């Protein structure tokens, strides 16, 4: 009986966790992006004038999600991510990467570890609304939505604090593994911004000076969707534990 109770509770827990993270509806076309990185400065996206362009906005259907768009003159990857210190190591990076087996662009969640090795994150639950992107003529693009809080403390930052932006592009093509998983065999070529911003709320607060102390919350605000979800999951765990123990 105890084993059956545990199995049922585990299924309920998984459903509760997954239901709280269903993808939001895509933002309607025409909604402007509120933050962008453009190279050269002031280039116009969608016109092939940008060597690199990345932008983000809050998804209009859920403030817990950010919409991203990237394009650039690359045949291997485009990359954009965040770090709470000015370094490439231990950075949370999303890449648009070329899959030479399917001849398509894929969105890949990655993390640069302490040895500057690009690790592919297997937790894709918090990546949504991915487009196939475009590829050809020496250029590529993609768009996607990502939850600002993924609850994956090992490989993902909770993007609701002050962060440096890291961005880059390159022509090195990742290797293709099982189930079309892309693996990067060489480090990203990344540039680090000389400012910090809060990606979730920019530009509601101005970017601090580069000498500002960078702090990232270590606990979830009680009003955030992630905190509510965490409380529900904790309650389910406690109920499951009591019921399981009482059945032994």
C-alpha atoms as a PDB file:
ATOM      1  CA  UNK A   1       0.000   0.000   0.000  1.00  0.00           C
ATOM      2  CA  UNK A   2       2.815   2.364   0.917  1.00  0.00           C
ATOM      3  CA  UNK A   3       4.556   1.732  -2.411  1.00  0.00           C
ATOM      4  CA  UNK A   4       1.334   2.355  -4.360  1.00  0.00           C
ATOM      5  CA  UNK A   5       0.731   5.590  -2.433  1.00  0.00           C
ATOM      6  CA  UNK A   6       4.263   6.743  -3.213  1.00  0.00           C
ATOM      7  CA  UNK A   7       3.836   6.058  -6.937  1.00  0.00           C
ATOM      8  CA  UNK A   8       0.512   7.922  -7.073  1.00  0.00           C
ATOM      9  CA  UNK A   9       1.955  10.875  -5.178  1.00  0.00           C
ATOM     10  CA  UNK A  10       4.963  10.995  -7.515  1.00  0.00           C
ATOM     11  CA  UNK A  11       2.672  11.175 -10.538  1.00  0.00           C
ATOM     12  CA  UNK A  12       0.606  13.939  -8.932  1.00  0.00           C
ATOM     13  CA  UNK A  13       3.783  15.846  -8.091  1.00  0.00           C
ATOM     14  CA  UNK A  14       5.065  15.593 -11.645  1.00  0.00           C
ATOM     15  CA  UNK A  15       1.736  16.783 -13.058  1.00  0.00           C
ATOM     16  CA  UNK A  16       1.586  19.687 -10.612  1.00  0.00           C
ATOM     17  CA  UNK A  17       5.137  20.742 -11.488  1.00  0.00           C
ATOM     18  CA  UNK A  18       4.645  20.386 -15.227  1.00  0.00           C
ATOM     19  CA  UNK A  19       1.263  22.125 -15.267  1.00  0.00           C
ATOM     20  CA  UNK A  20       2.741  25.164 -13.550  1.00  0.00           C
ATOM     21  CA  UNK A  21       5.284  25.523 -16.359  1.00  0.00           C
ATOM     22  CA  UNK A  22       3.219  25.115 -19.499  1.00  0.00           C
ATOM     23  CA  UNK A  23       4.341  27.337 -22.304  1.00  0.00           C
ATOM     24  CA  UNK A  24       2.706  30.737 -22.725  1.00  0.00           C
ATOM     25  CA  UNK A  25       1.009  31.714 -25.956  1.00  0.00           C
ATOM     26  CA  UNK A  26       3.442  33.386 -28.369  1.00  0.00           C
ATOM     27  CA  UNK A  27       3.578  37.171 -28.372  1.00  0.00           C
ATOM     28  CA  UNK A  28       1.695  38.610 -31.324  1.00  0.00           C
ATOM     29  CA  UNK A  29       3.776  39.930 -34.251  1.00  0.00           C
ATOM     30  CA  UNK A  30       4.583  43.617 -34.142  1.00  0.00           C
ATOM     31  CA  UNK A  31       5.285  43.903 -30.413  1.00  0.00           C
ATOM     32  CA  UNK A  32       8.613  45.667 -30.047  1.00  0.00           C
ATOM     33  CA  UNK A  33      11.602  44.342 -28.142  1.00  0.00           C
ATOM     34  CA  UNK A  34      12.699  46.501 -25.198  1.00  0.00           C
ATOM     35  CA  UNK A  35      16.388  45.522 -25.078  1.00  0.00           C
ATOM     36  CA  UNK A  36      18.780  44.711 -27.876  1.00  0.00           C
ATOM     37  CA  UNK A  37      22.426  44.238 -28.708  1.00  0.00           C
ATOM     38  CA  UNK A  38      23.309  45.237 -32.259  1.00  0.00           C
ATOM     39  CA  UNK A  39      26.591  44.989 -34.134  1.00  0.00           C
ATOM     40  CA  UNK A  40      27.330  47.327 -35.736  1.00  0.00           C
ATOM     41  CA  UNK A  41      25.517  49.726 -33.426  1.00  0.00           C
ATOM     42  CA  UNK A  42      22.210  50.891 -34.847  1.00  0.00           C
ATOM     43  CA  UNK A  43      21.977  48.233 -37.547  1.00  0.00           C
ATOM     44  CA  UNK A  44      18.511  47.239 -38.697  1.00  0.00           C
ATOM     45  CA  UNK A  45      17.382  43.679 -37.981  1.00  0.00           C
ATOM     46  CA  UNK A  46      15.755  41.561 -40.713  1.00  0.00           C
ATOM     47  CA  UNK A  47      17.727  43.431 -43.387  1.00  0.00           C
ATOM     48  CA  UNK A  48      21.042  41.507 -43.358  1.00  0.00           C
ATOM     49  CA  UNK A  49      22.847  44.639 -42.127  1.00  0.00           C
ATOM     50  CA  UNK A  50      23.609  43.233 -38.662  1.00  0.00           C
ATOM     51  CA  UNK A  51      26.667  41.109 -38.079  1.00  0.00           C
ATOM     52  CA  UNK A  52      24.966  40.170 -34.816  1.00  0.00           C
ATOM     53  CA  UNK A  53      21.622  41.151 -33.338  1.00  0.00           C
ATOM     54  CA  UNK A  54      19.899  39.893 -30.185  1.00  0.00           C
ATOM     55  CA  UNK A  55      16.799  41.248 -28.489  1.00  0.00           C
ATOM     56  CA  UNK A  56      14.402  40.382 -25.690  1.00  0.00           C
ATOM     57  CA  UNK A  57      11.005  41.415 -24.348  1.00  0.00           C
ATOM     58  CA  UNK A  58       8.511  40.201 -21.773  1.00  0.00           C
ATOM     59  CA  UNK A  59       5.967  37.773 -23.204  1.00  0.00           C
ATOM     60  CA  UNK A  60       2.680  39.693 -23.237  1.00  0.00           C
ATOM     61  CA  UNK A  61       0.732  36.622 -22.138  1.00  0.00           C
ATOM     62  CA  UNK A  62       2.905  35.806 -19.120  1.00  0.00           C
ATOM     63  CA  UNK A  63       5.335  38.104 -17.317  1.00  0.00           C
ATOM     64  CA  UNK A  64       7.204  35.007 -16.099  1.00  0.00           C
ATOM     65  CA  UNK A  65       8.525  34.428 -19.630  1.00  0.00           C
ATOM     66  CA  UNK A  66      10.954  36.376 -21.816  1.00  0.00           C
ATOM     67  CA  UNK A  67      10.860  36.306 -25.628  1.00  0.00           C
ATOM     68  CA  UNK A  68      14.224  36.266 -27.395  1.00  0.00           C
ATOM     69  CA  UNK A  69      15.247  36.837 -31.006  1.00  0.00           C
ATOM     70  CA  UNK A  70      18.707  36.430 -32.546  1.00  0.00           C
ATOM     71  CA  UNK A  71      20.148  36.798 -36.031  1.00  0.00           C
ATOM     72  CA  UNK A  72      23.596  37.225 -37.475  1.00  0.00           C
ATOM     73  CA  UNK A  73      26.282  36.496 -40.018  1.00  0.00           C
ATOM     74  CA  UNK A  74      27.233  33.049 -38.776  1.00  0.00           C
ATOM     75  CA  UNK A  75      27.086  29.470 -39.993  1.00  0.00           C
ATOM     76  CA  UNK A  76      27.679  27.693 -36.683  1.00  0.00           C
ATOM     77  CA  UNK A  77      25.978  29.444 -33.793  1.00  0.00           C
ATOM     78  CA  UNK A  78      24.615  32.633 -32.270  1.00  0.00           C
ATOM     79  CA  UNK A  79      24.802  32.933 -28.483  1.00  0.00           C
ATOM     80  CA  UNK A  80      23.268  35.140 -25.797  1.00  0.00           C
ATOM     81  CA  UNK A  81      23.381  34.642 -22.057  1.00  0.00           C
ATOM     82  CA  UNK A  82      23.984  35.989 -18.581  1.00  0.00           C
ATOM     83  CA  UNK A  83      26.470  35.957 -15.755  1.00  0.00           C
ATOM     84  CA  UNK A  84      26.336  37.738 -12.399  1.00  0.00           C
ATOM     85  CA  UNK A  85      30.066  38.447 -12.615  1.00  0.00           C
ATOM     86  CA  UNK A  86      32.138  39.757 -15.516  1.00  0.00           C
ATOM     87  CA  UNK A  87      33.485  36.459 -16.829  1.00  0.00           C
ATOM     88  CA  UNK A  88      32.633  33.778 -19.367  1.00  0.00           C
ATOM     89  CA  UNK A  89      33.100  30.877 -16.947  1.00  0.00           C
ATOM     90  CA  UNK A  90      29.925  29.687 -15.200  1.00  0.00           C
ATOM     91  CA  UNK A  91      27.713  31.509 -17.714  1.00  0.00           C
ATOM     92  CA  UNK A  92      24.136  30.601 -18.616  1.00  0.00           C
ATOM     93  CA  UNK A  93      23.985  30.686 -22.432  1.00  0.00           C
ATOM     94  CA  UNK A  94      21.265  29.977 -24.992  1.00  0.00           C
ATOM     95  CA  UNK A  95      22.531  29.263 -28.490  1.00  0.00           C
ATOM     96  CA  UNK A  96      20.937  29.122 -31.917  1.00  0.00           C
ATOM     97  CA  UNK A  97      23.020  26.393 -33.522  1.00  0.00           C
ATOM     98  CA  UNK A  98      23.188  24.741 -36.921  1.00  0.00           C
ATOM     99  CA  UNK A  99      22.389  21.031 -37.082  1.00  0.00           C
ATOM    100  CA  UNK A 100      24.195  19.703 -40.154  1.00  0.00           C
ATOM    101  CA  UNK A 101      22.251  16.439 -40.013  1.00  0.00           C
ATOM    102  CA  UNK A 102      18.825  18.061 -40.358  1.00  0.00           C
ATOM    103  CA  UNK A 103      20.049  21.210 -42.154  1.00  0.00           C
ATOM    104  CA  UNK A 104      18.185  23.358 -39.622  1.00  0.00           C
ATOM    105  CA  UNK A 105      18.734  25.773 -36.744  1.00  0.00           C
ATOM    106  CA  UNK A 106      18.041  24.506 -33.220  1.00  0.00           C
ATOM    107  CA  UNK A 107      17.724  26.381 -29.938  1.00  0.00           C
ATOM    108  CA  UNK A 108      20.113  24.868 -27.381  1.00  0.00           C
ATOM    109  CA  UNK A 109      20.271  25.539 -23.642  1.00  0.00           C
ATOM    110  CA  UNK A 110      23.911  25.478 -22.537  1.00  0.00           C
ATOM    111  CA  UNK A 111      26.156  26.342 -19.616  1.00  0.00           C
ATOM    112  CA  UNK A 112      29.837  27.275 -19.697  1.00  0.00           C
ATOM    113  CA  UNK A 113      31.462  25.416 -16.810  1.00  0.00           C
ATOM    114  CA  UNK A 114      34.507  26.307 -14.706  1.00  0.00           C
ATOM    115  CA  UNK A 115      36.827  24.784 -17.323  1.00  0.00           C
ATOM    116  CA  UNK A 116      35.305  26.814 -20.188  1.00  0.00           C
ATOM    117  CA  UNK A 117      33.603  23.695 -21.540  1.00  0.00           C
ATOM    118  CA  UNK A 118      30.183  24.260 -23.119  1.00  0.00           C
ATOM    119  CA  UNK A 119      27.766  21.810 -21.518  1.00  0.00           C
ATOM    120  CA  UNK A 120      24.390  21.107 -23.133  1.00  0.00           C
ATOM    121  CA  UNK A 121      21.602  21.321 -20.554  1.00  0.00           C
ATOM    122  CA  UNK A 122      19.120  18.465 -20.830  1.00  0.00           C
ATOM    123  CA  UNK A 123      16.367  20.437 -19.044  1.00  0.00           C
ATOM    124  CA  UNK A 124      14.313  21.873 -21.911  1.00  0.00           C
ATOM    125  CA  UNK A 125      11.065  22.287 -19.970  1.00  0.00           C
ATOM    126  CA  UNK A 126      11.594  26.023 -19.739  1.00  0.00           C
ATOM    127  CA  UNK A 127      12.253  26.697 -23.436  1.00  0.00           C
ATOM    128  CA  UNK A 128       9.108  27.361 -25.454  1.00  0.00           C
ATOM    129  CA  UNK A 129       7.811  28.847 -28.711  1.00  0.00           C
ATOM    130  CA  UNK A 130      10.983  27.913 -30.551  1.00  0.00           C
ATOM    131  CA  UNK A 131      11.086  28.661 -34.250  1.00  0.00           C
ATOM    132  CA  UNK A 132      13.005  26.586 -36.725  1.00  0.00           C
ATOM    133  CA  UNK A 133      14.891  29.743 -37.582  1.00  0.00           C
ATOM    134  CA  UNK A 134      16.480  30.520 -40.895  1.00  0.00           C
ATOM    135  CA  UNK A 135      19.752  29.358 -42.403  1.00  0.00           C
ATOM    136  CA  UNK A 136      21.436  30.249 -45.655  1.00  0.00           C
ATOM    137  CA  UNK A 137      23.614  32.785 -47.390  1.00  0.00           C
ATOM    138  CA  UNK A 138      26.007  32.831 -44.463  1.00  0.00           C
ATOM    139  CA  UNK A 139      23.314  33.923 -42.021  1.00  0.00           C
ATOM    140  CA  UNK A 140      21.085  32.334 -39.393  1.00  0.00           C
ATOM    141  CA  UNK A 141      18.330  33.345 -36.973  1.00  0.00           C
ATOM    142  CA  UNK A 142      15.996  31.957 -34.328  1.00  0.00           C
ATOM    143  CA  UNK A 143      13.495  32.977 -31.679  1.00  0.00           C
ATOM    144  CA  UNK A 144      12.267  31.373 -28.470  1.00  0.00           C
ATOM    145  CA  UNK A 145      10.699  32.035 -25.070  1.00  0.00           C
ATOM    146  CA  UNK A 146      12.296  31.166 -21.758  1.00  0.00           C
ATOM    147  CA  UNK A 147      11.053  31.292 -18.180  1.00  0.00           C
ATOM    148  CA  UNK A 148      13.024  33.774 -16.092  1.00  0.00           C
ATOM    149  CA  UNK A 149      13.120  31.188 -13.282  1.00  0.00           C
ATOM    150  CA  UNK A 150      13.879  27.607 -14.291  1.00  0.00           C
ATOM    151  CA  UNK A 151      14.503  26.141 -10.814  1.00  0.00           C
ATOM    152  CA  UNK A 152      17.591  24.454 -12.253  1.00  0.00           C
ATOM    153  CA  UNK A 153      20.253  25.865  -9.939  1.00  0.00           C
ATOM    154  CA  UNK A 154      23.059  23.786 -11.456  1.00  0.00           C
ATOM    155  CA  UNK A 155      22.912  25.038 -15.030  1.00  0.00           C
ATOM    156  CA  UNK A 156      20.514  27.989 -15.134  1.00  0.00           C
ATOM    157  CA  UNK A 157      20.391  31.361 -13.433  1.00  0.00           C
ATOM    158  CA  UNK A 158      17.189  32.814 -12.042  1.00  0.00           C
ATOM    159  CA  UNK A 159      17.182  35.858 -14.322  1.00  0.00           C
ATOM    160  CA  UNK A 160      15.658  38.385 -11.952  1.00  0.00           C
ATOM    161  CA  UNK A 161      18.677  40.295 -10.706  1.00  0.00           C
ATOM    162  CA  UNK A 162      21.599  42.265 -12.104  1.00  0.00           C
ATOM    163  CA  UNK A 163      23.551  40.452 -14.797  1.00  0.00           C
ATOM    164  CA  UNK A 164      26.198  41.062 -17.406  1.00  0.00           C
ATOM    165  CA  UNK A 165      25.097  40.163 -20.927  1.00  0.00           C
ATOM    166  CA  UNK A 166      27.321  37.769 -22.875  1.00  0.00           C
ATOM    167  CA  UNK A 167      26.955  37.449 -26.623  1.00  0.00           C
ATOM    168  CA  UNK A 168      28.786  36.092 -29.615  1.00  0.00           C
ATOM    169  CA  UNK A 169      28.689  34.187 -32.868  1.00  0.00           C
ATOM    170  CA  UNK A 170      30.860  31.746 -34.755  1.00  0.00           C
ATOM    171  CA  UNK A 171      31.168  29.311 -37.631  1.00  0.00           C
ATOM    172  CA  UNK A 172      32.142  26.181 -35.673  1.00  0.00           C
ATOM    173  CA  UNK A 173      29.390  23.591 -36.085  1.00  0.00           C
ATOM    174  CA  UNK A 174      28.406  21.513 -33.050  1.00  0.00           C
ATOM    175  CA  UNK A 175      28.459  17.736 -33.231  1.00  0.00           C
ATOM    176  CA  UNK A 176      25.147  15.880 -33.389  1.00  0.00           C
ATOM    177  CA  UNK A 177      24.412  13.215 -30.809  1.00  0.00           C
ATOM    178  CA  UNK A 178      21.509  10.928 -29.969  1.00  0.00           C
ATOM    179  CA  UNK A 179      18.046  12.374 -30.689  1.00  0.00           C
ATOM    180  CA  UNK A 180      19.661  15.312 -32.528  1.00  0.00           C
ATOM    181  CA  UNK A 181      21.250  16.622 -29.327  1.00  0.00           C
ATOM    182  CA  UNK A 182      23.854  19.242 -30.236  1.00  0.00           C
ATOM    183  CA  UNK A 183      27.183  19.222 -28.403  1.00  0.00           C
ATOM    184  CA  UNK A 184      29.749  21.992 -28.650  1.00  0.00           C
ATOM    185  CA  UNK A 185      33.326  20.752 -28.870  1.00  0.00           C
ATOM    186  CA  UNK A 186      34.954  24.191 -28.671  1.00  0.00           C
ATOM    187  CA  UNK A 187      34.290  27.240 -26.468  1.00  0.00           C
ATOM    188  CA  UNK A 188      31.955  30.042 -27.515  1.00  0.00           C
ATOM    189  CA  UNK A 189      33.554  33.265 -28.734  1.00  0.00           C
ATOM    190  CA  UNK A 190      31.832  35.596 -26.261  1.00  0.00           C
ATOM    191  CA  UNK A 191      31.921  39.323 -25.559  1.00  0.00           C
ATOM    192  CA  UNK A 192      30.970  40.569 -22.086  1.00  0.00           C
ATOM    193  CA  UNK A 193      28.942  43.774 -21.740  1.00  0.00           C
ATOM    194  CA  UNK A 194      30.418  46.662 -19.751  1.00  0.00           C
ATOM    195  CA  UNK A 195      27.126  47.140 -17.892  1.00  0.00           C
ATOM    196  CA  UNK A 196      24.690  45.114 -15.816  1.00  0.00           C
ATOM    197  CA  UNK A 197      20.912  45.010 -16.193  1.00  0.00           C
ATOM    198  CA  UNK A 198      17.959  43.094 -14.841  1.00  0.00           C
ATOM    199  CA  UNK A 199      16.842  41.238 -18.000  1.00  0.00           C
ATOM    200  CA  UNK A 200      13.357  40.627 -16.632  1.00  0.00           C
ATOM    201  CA  UNK A 201      12.512  44.263 -15.910  1.00  0.00           C
ATOM    202  CA  UNK A 202      14.785  46.357 -18.168  1.00  0.00           C
ATOM    203  CA  UNK A 203      14.309  49.246 -18.890  1.00  0.00           C
ATOM    204  CA  UNK A 204      12.027  49.932 -15.883  1.00  0.00           C
ATOM    205  CA  UNK A 205      15.259  50.552 -13.947  1.00  0.00           C
ATOM    206  CA  UNK A 206      18.273  52.176 -15.556  1.00  0.00           C
ATOM    207  CA  UNK A 207      21.387  50.105 -16.059  1.00  0.00           C
ATOM    208  CA  UNK A 208      23.697  50.735 -13.068  1.00  0.00           C
ATOM    209  CA  UNK A 209      27.257  51.944 -13.634  1.00  0.00           C
ATOM    210  CA  UNK A 210      29.795  49.257 -14.378  1.00  0.00           C
ATOM    211  CA  UNK A 211      31.245  49.601 -10.885  1.00  0.00           C
ATOM    212  CA  UNK A 212      27.944  48.721  -9.216  1.00  0.00           C
ATOM    213  CA  UNK A 213      27.879  45.755  -6.892  1.00  0.00           C
ATOM    214  CA  UNK A 214      26.119  42.886  -8.613  1.00  0.00           C
ATOM    215  CA  UNK A 215      23.659  41.047  -6.371  1.00  0.00           C
ATOM    216  CA  UNK A 216      21.317  38.235  -7.285  1.00  0.00           C
ATOM    217  CA  UNK A 217      18.405  37.163  -5.027  1.00  0.00           C
ATOM    218  CA  UNK A 218      18.960  33.799  -3.382  1.00  0.00           C
ATOM    219  CA  UNK A 219      15.327  33.270  -2.385  1.00  0.00           C
ATOM    220  CA  UNK A 220      12.122  33.525  -4.371  1.00  0.00           C
ATOM    221  CA  UNK A 221       9.868  36.511  -3.559  1.00  0.00           C
ATOM    222  CA  UNK A 222       6.627  35.196  -2.091  1.00  0.00           C
ATOM    223  CA  UNK A 223       4.614  36.864  -4.852  1.00  0.00           C
ATOM    224  CA  UNK A 224       6.493  35.281  -7.732  1.00  0.00           C
ATOM    225  CA  UNK A 225       5.013  32.409  -9.774  1.00  0.00           C
ATOM    226  CA  UNK A 226       8.042  30.310  -8.900  1.00  0.00           C
ATOM    227  CA  UNK A 227       7.501  30.804  -5.183  1.00  0.00           C
ATOM    228  CA  UNK A 228       3.842  29.826  -5.374  1.00  0.00           C
ATOM    229  CA  UNK A 229       4.795  26.767  -7.363  1.00  0.00           C
ATOM    230  CA  UNK A 230       7.507  25.857  -4.846  1.00  0.00           C
ATOM    231  CA  UNK A 231       5.043  26.128  -1.965  1.00  0.00           C
ATOM    232  CA  UNK A 232       2.537  23.864  -3.725  1.00  0.00           C
ATOM    233  CA  UNK A 233       5.215  21.275  -4.496  1.00  0.00           C
ATOM    234  CA  UNK A 234       6.442  21.355  -0.881  1.00  0.00           C
ATOM    235  CA  UNK A 235       2.893  20.827   0.406  1.00  0.00           C
ATOM    236  CA  UNK A 236       2.393  17.847  -1.916  1.00  0.00           C
ATOM    237  CA  UNK A 237       5.708  16.364  -0.772  1.00  0.00           C
ATOM    238  CA  UNK A 238       4.695  16.698   2.883  1.00  0.00           C
ATOM    239  CA  UNK A 239       1.301  15.070   2.296  1.00  0.00           C
ATOM    240  CA  UNK A 240       2.889  12.234   0.346  1.00  0.00           C
ATOM    241  CA  UNK A 241       5.446  11.633   3.094  1.00  0.00           C
ATOM    242  CA  UNK A 242       2.782  11.493   5.837  1.00  0.00           C
ATOM    243  CA  UNK A 243       0.478   9.180   3.841  1.00  0.00           C
ATOM    244  CA  UNK A 244       3.375   6.888   2.832  1.00  0.00           C
ATOM    245  CA  UNK A 245       4.702   6.589   6.378  1.00  0.00           C
ATOM    246  CA  UNK A 246       1.256   5.952   7.826  1.00  0.00           C
ATOM    247  CA  UNK A 247       0.784   3.070   5.387  1.00  0.00           C
ATOM    248  CA  UNK A 248       3.968   1.273   6.407  1.00  0.00           C
END
